[in-house]
Structure formats: structure tokens, C-alpha cells
N, C-alpha and C. Protein backbone atom coordinates (compact mmCIF):
# COMPACT_ATOMS: atom_id res chain seq x y z
N MET A 1 -69.90 130.56 -37.70
CA MET A 1 -70.37 129.80 -36.92
C MET A 1 -71.14 130.42 -35.86
N THR A 2 -72.36 130.20 -35.42
CA THR A 2 -72.95 130.91 -34.04
C THR A 2 -73.49 129.72 -33.27
N ILE A 3 -73.88 130.22 -31.99
CA ILE A 3 -74.34 129.36 -30.90
C ILE A 3 -75.70 129.51 -30.89
N TRP A 4 -76.36 130.09 -31.84
CA TRP A 4 -77.89 130.21 -31.89
C TRP A 4 -78.49 129.33 -33.05
N THR A 5 -79.77 129.14 -32.62
CA THR A 5 -80.66 128.49 -33.83
C THR A 5 -81.45 129.78 -34.60
N ARG A 6 -81.88 129.40 -35.70
CA ARG A 6 -82.41 130.47 -36.59
C ARG A 6 -83.86 130.69 -35.42
N ASP A 7 -84.34 129.63 -35.02
CA ASP A 7 -85.55 130.20 -34.38
C ASP A 7 -85.30 130.87 -32.84
N GLU A 8 -84.26 130.60 -32.28
CA GLU A 8 -83.84 131.40 -30.96
C GLU A 8 -83.63 132.86 -31.41
N LEU A 9 -82.76 132.95 -32.52
CA LEU A 9 -82.42 134.36 -32.95
C LEU A 9 -83.77 135.13 -33.54
N THR A 10 -84.64 134.57 -34.19
CA THR A 10 -85.90 135.23 -34.46
C THR A 10 -86.76 135.59 -33.27
N ALA A 11 -86.88 134.69 -32.33
CA ALA A 11 -87.66 135.07 -30.91
C ALA A 11 -86.85 136.07 -30.38
N GLN A 12 -85.50 136.10 -30.32
CA GLN A 12 -84.82 137.20 -29.50
C GLN A 12 -85.09 138.45 -30.24
N LEU A 13 -84.93 138.66 -31.70
CA LEU A 13 -85.17 139.86 -32.48
C LEU A 13 -86.39 140.36 -32.28
N ARG A 14 -87.39 139.59 -32.21
CA ARG A 14 -88.80 140.03 -32.09
C ARG A 14 -89.00 140.83 -30.61
N GLU A 15 -88.40 140.10 -29.66
CA GLU A 15 -88.48 140.82 -28.34
C GLU A 15 -87.81 142.08 -28.31
N TRP A 16 -86.51 142.11 -28.67
CA TRP A 16 -85.70 143.22 -28.65
C TRP A 16 -86.25 144.35 -29.56
N LYS A 17 -86.85 143.99 -30.84
CA LYS A 17 -87.58 145.10 -31.57
C LYS A 17 -88.77 145.56 -30.80
N ALA A 18 -89.41 144.94 -29.96
CA ALA A 18 -90.68 145.34 -29.32
C ALA A 18 -89.99 146.15 -28.24
N ALA A 19 -88.97 146.00 -27.70
CA ALA A 19 -88.26 146.73 -26.55
C ALA A 19 -87.89 148.10 -27.07
N LEU A 20 -87.45 148.13 -28.40
CA LEU A 20 -86.80 149.26 -28.90
C LEU A 20 -87.98 150.28 -29.26
N LEU A 21 -89.20 149.61 -29.79
CA LEU A 21 -90.35 150.59 -30.10
C LEU A 21 -90.82 151.21 -28.75
N ILE A 22 -90.96 150.44 -27.72
CA ILE A 22 -91.48 150.92 -26.36
C ILE A 22 -90.64 151.95 -25.88
N CYS A 23 -89.41 151.61 -25.66
CA CYS A 23 -88.27 152.32 -25.33
C CYS A 23 -88.09 153.73 -25.84
N ALA A 24 -88.28 153.63 -27.12
CA ALA A 24 -88.23 154.95 -28.15
C ALA A 24 -89.45 155.74 -27.76
N SER A 25 -90.52 155.22 -27.12
CA SER A 25 -91.83 156.19 -26.71
C SER A 25 -91.64 156.77 -25.26
N GLY A 26 -90.37 156.37 -24.84
CA GLY A 26 -90.33 156.80 -23.55
C GLY A 26 -90.72 156.18 -22.27
N LYS A 27 -91.31 154.68 -22.71
CA LYS A 27 -91.63 153.84 -21.59
C LYS A 27 -90.54 152.75 -21.24
N SER A 28 -90.87 151.95 -20.30
CA SER A 28 -90.09 150.78 -19.99
C SER A 28 -90.39 149.59 -20.55
N TYR A 29 -89.32 148.53 -20.62
CA TYR A 29 -89.78 147.28 -21.11
C TYR A 29 -88.84 146.25 -20.34
N SER A 30 -89.46 145.06 -20.10
CA SER A 30 -88.79 144.12 -19.40
C SER A 30 -88.52 142.80 -20.13
N ILE A 31 -87.16 142.37 -20.30
CA ILE A 31 -86.90 141.11 -21.08
C ILE A 31 -85.81 140.52 -19.74
N ALA A 32 -86.30 139.23 -19.69
CA ALA A 32 -85.65 138.40 -18.61
C ALA A 32 -85.27 138.96 -17.51
N GLY A 33 -86.23 139.74 -16.77
CA GLY A 33 -86.08 140.25 -15.75
C GLY A 33 -85.01 141.56 -15.65
N ARG A 34 -84.64 141.89 -16.99
CA ARG A 34 -83.85 143.18 -16.99
C ARG A 34 -85.04 144.43 -17.54
N THR A 35 -84.97 145.42 -16.55
CA THR A 35 -85.74 146.47 -17.25
C THR A 35 -85.04 147.57 -18.04
N LEU A 36 -85.61 147.66 -19.12
CA LEU A 36 -84.91 148.92 -20.09
C LEU A 36 -85.84 150.06 -20.16
N THR A 37 -85.15 151.05 -20.29
CA THR A 37 -85.87 152.46 -20.30
C THR A 37 -85.24 153.02 -21.78
N ARG A 38 -85.88 154.35 -21.83
CA ARG A 38 -85.63 155.23 -23.02
C ARG A 38 -84.07 155.37 -23.07
N SER A 39 -83.29 155.36 -21.97
CA SER A 39 -81.84 155.75 -21.94
C SER A 39 -81.14 154.40 -22.53
N ASP A 40 -81.64 153.34 -22.39
CA ASP A 40 -81.06 152.11 -22.99
C ASP A 40 -81.45 151.70 -24.71
N VAL A 41 -81.86 152.78 -25.22
CA VAL A 41 -82.00 152.63 -26.66
C VAL A 41 -80.86 152.22 -27.53
N ALA A 42 -79.58 152.93 -26.91
CA ALA A 42 -78.28 152.73 -27.74
C ALA A 42 -77.92 151.14 -27.52
N ASP A 43 -78.15 150.62 -26.26
CA ASP A 43 -77.78 149.30 -25.87
C ASP A 43 -78.91 148.39 -26.62
N ILE A 44 -80.06 148.71 -26.91
CA ILE A 44 -81.05 147.90 -27.54
C ILE A 44 -80.62 147.69 -28.96
N ARG A 45 -79.96 148.77 -29.68
CA ARG A 45 -79.88 148.63 -31.10
C ARG A 45 -78.49 148.12 -31.28
N LYS A 46 -77.60 148.25 -30.22
CA LYS A 46 -76.45 147.23 -30.38
C LYS A 46 -76.68 145.72 -30.17
N THR A 47 -77.57 145.49 -29.41
CA THR A 47 -77.97 144.15 -29.35
C THR A 47 -78.68 143.54 -30.57
N LEU A 48 -79.47 144.29 -31.04
CA LEU A 48 -80.00 143.99 -32.36
C LEU A 48 -79.17 143.70 -33.49
N SER A 49 -78.26 144.84 -33.62
CA SER A 49 -77.22 144.46 -34.55
C SER A 49 -76.43 143.10 -34.28
N TYR A 50 -76.24 142.95 -33.25
CA TYR A 50 -75.42 141.69 -32.85
C TYR A 50 -76.21 140.57 -33.12
N LEU A 51 -77.57 140.49 -32.98
CA LEU A 51 -78.55 139.29 -33.44
C LEU A 51 -78.53 139.34 -34.86
N GLU A 52 -78.65 140.49 -35.46
CA GLU A 52 -78.91 140.49 -36.87
C GLU A 52 -77.24 139.70 -37.54
N ARG A 53 -76.11 139.99 -37.06
CA ARG A 53 -75.08 139.52 -37.48
C ARG A 53 -75.01 138.03 -37.21
N GLU A 54 -75.44 137.68 -36.09
CA GLU A 54 -75.59 136.13 -35.81
C GLU A 54 -76.62 135.33 -36.80
N LEU A 55 -77.82 135.89 -37.23
CA LEU A 55 -78.59 135.55 -38.18
C LEU A 55 -77.90 135.61 -39.47
N ASN A 56 -77.10 136.45 -39.86
CA ASN A 56 -76.66 136.56 -41.17
C ASN A 56 -75.35 135.46 -41.21
N LYS A 57 -74.95 135.06 -40.02
CA LYS A 57 -74.06 134.00 -40.07
C LYS A 57 -74.79 132.42 -40.67
N ILE A 58 -75.87 132.42 -40.10
CA ILE A 58 -76.72 131.12 -40.53
C ILE A 58 -76.97 131.09 -41.75
N ASP A 59 -77.33 132.34 -42.41
CA ASP A 59 -77.75 132.54 -43.82
C ASP A 59 -76.47 132.36 -44.74
N GLY A 60 -75.37 132.61 -44.31
CA GLY A 60 -74.15 132.55 -44.95
C GLY A 60 -74.08 134.25 -45.79
N ALA A 61 -74.76 135.00 -45.20
CA ALA A 61 -74.73 136.51 -45.61
C ALA A 61 -73.55 137.09 -45.26
N PRO A 62 -72.99 138.16 -45.81
CA PRO A 62 -71.78 139.04 -45.28
C PRO A 62 -72.17 139.45 -43.90
N VAL A 63 -71.15 139.30 -43.08
CA VAL A 63 -71.19 139.63 -41.73
C VAL A 63 -70.58 141.10 -41.46
N GLY A 64 -70.23 141.88 -42.24
CA GLY A 64 -69.75 143.15 -42.10
C GLY A 64 -70.02 143.89 -43.22
N PRO A 65 -69.24 145.05 -43.16
CA PRO A 65 -69.60 146.13 -44.25
C PRO A 65 -69.14 145.56 -45.59
N VAL A 66 -69.88 145.79 -46.86
CA VAL A 66 -69.47 145.31 -48.19
C VAL A 66 -69.02 146.36 -48.87
N PHE A 67 -67.86 146.58 -49.53
CA PHE A 67 -67.24 147.53 -50.00
C PHE A 67 -67.42 147.35 -51.66
N VAL A 68 -68.19 148.19 -52.26
CA VAL A 68 -68.28 148.19 -53.61
C VAL A 68 -67.62 149.42 -54.33
N GLN A 69 -66.66 148.96 -55.38
CA GLN A 69 -66.16 150.05 -56.05
C GLN A 69 -66.80 150.15 -57.44
N GLY A 70 -67.12 151.64 -57.66
CA GLY A 70 -67.86 152.04 -58.54
C GLY A 70 -67.03 152.55 -59.88
N VAL A 71 -67.49 152.72 -60.80
CA VAL A 71 -66.65 153.06 -62.12
C VAL A 71 -67.57 154.24 -62.84
N THR A 72 -66.98 155.45 -62.85
CA THR A 72 -67.47 156.45 -63.44
C THR A 72 -67.27 156.47 -65.02
N ARG A 73 -68.53 156.75 -65.65
CA ARG A 73 -68.15 156.61 -67.23
C ARG A 73 -68.73 157.91 -67.59
N ARG A 74 -68.05 158.24 -68.56
CA ARG A 74 -68.62 159.69 -69.13
C ARG A 74 -68.76 159.31 -70.82
N GLY A 75 -69.67 160.01 -71.04
CA GLY A 75 -70.23 159.47 -72.47
C GLY A 75 -70.45 160.55 -73.08
């Protein structure tokens, strides 16, 4: 369960992706009165990961790492 709607998450993801692109080039970006700079790239990525997990909850997709066991065959 999440507190967000799909539209809210999509809008936020769009904004945070734009912030990442701008900050990665060394410029600053503002969202909701908060100014982000290149040094905030790790925080931006963390926020993007959070938003993606929330969107996955809506879609019913796995929210964490998925472990797959492989089988080696020799022929």
C-alpha cells in the first residue's frame, strides 16, 4: 500500500529526474522551495529509488531485490 496516486508519483518522478540531469551537469535546481546542487545527486537518486518503489507497489511489481537461482548444465 502507498499514500501516493499513480499521477502524483509520475509527476514527482518527472521533476526529480529533471533535477538529477541538471545537478549532474553541475547546476542547481529547485523543487518546492528546496534548492538542489551537484552535491545532492546521491539524495536525488535515493528519492528516485523511493518513488520507483512506491510506483511498483501500485503496479504490484516486486518491491525489493529478486533472487533467481540458476542451474548450470554441462552437455
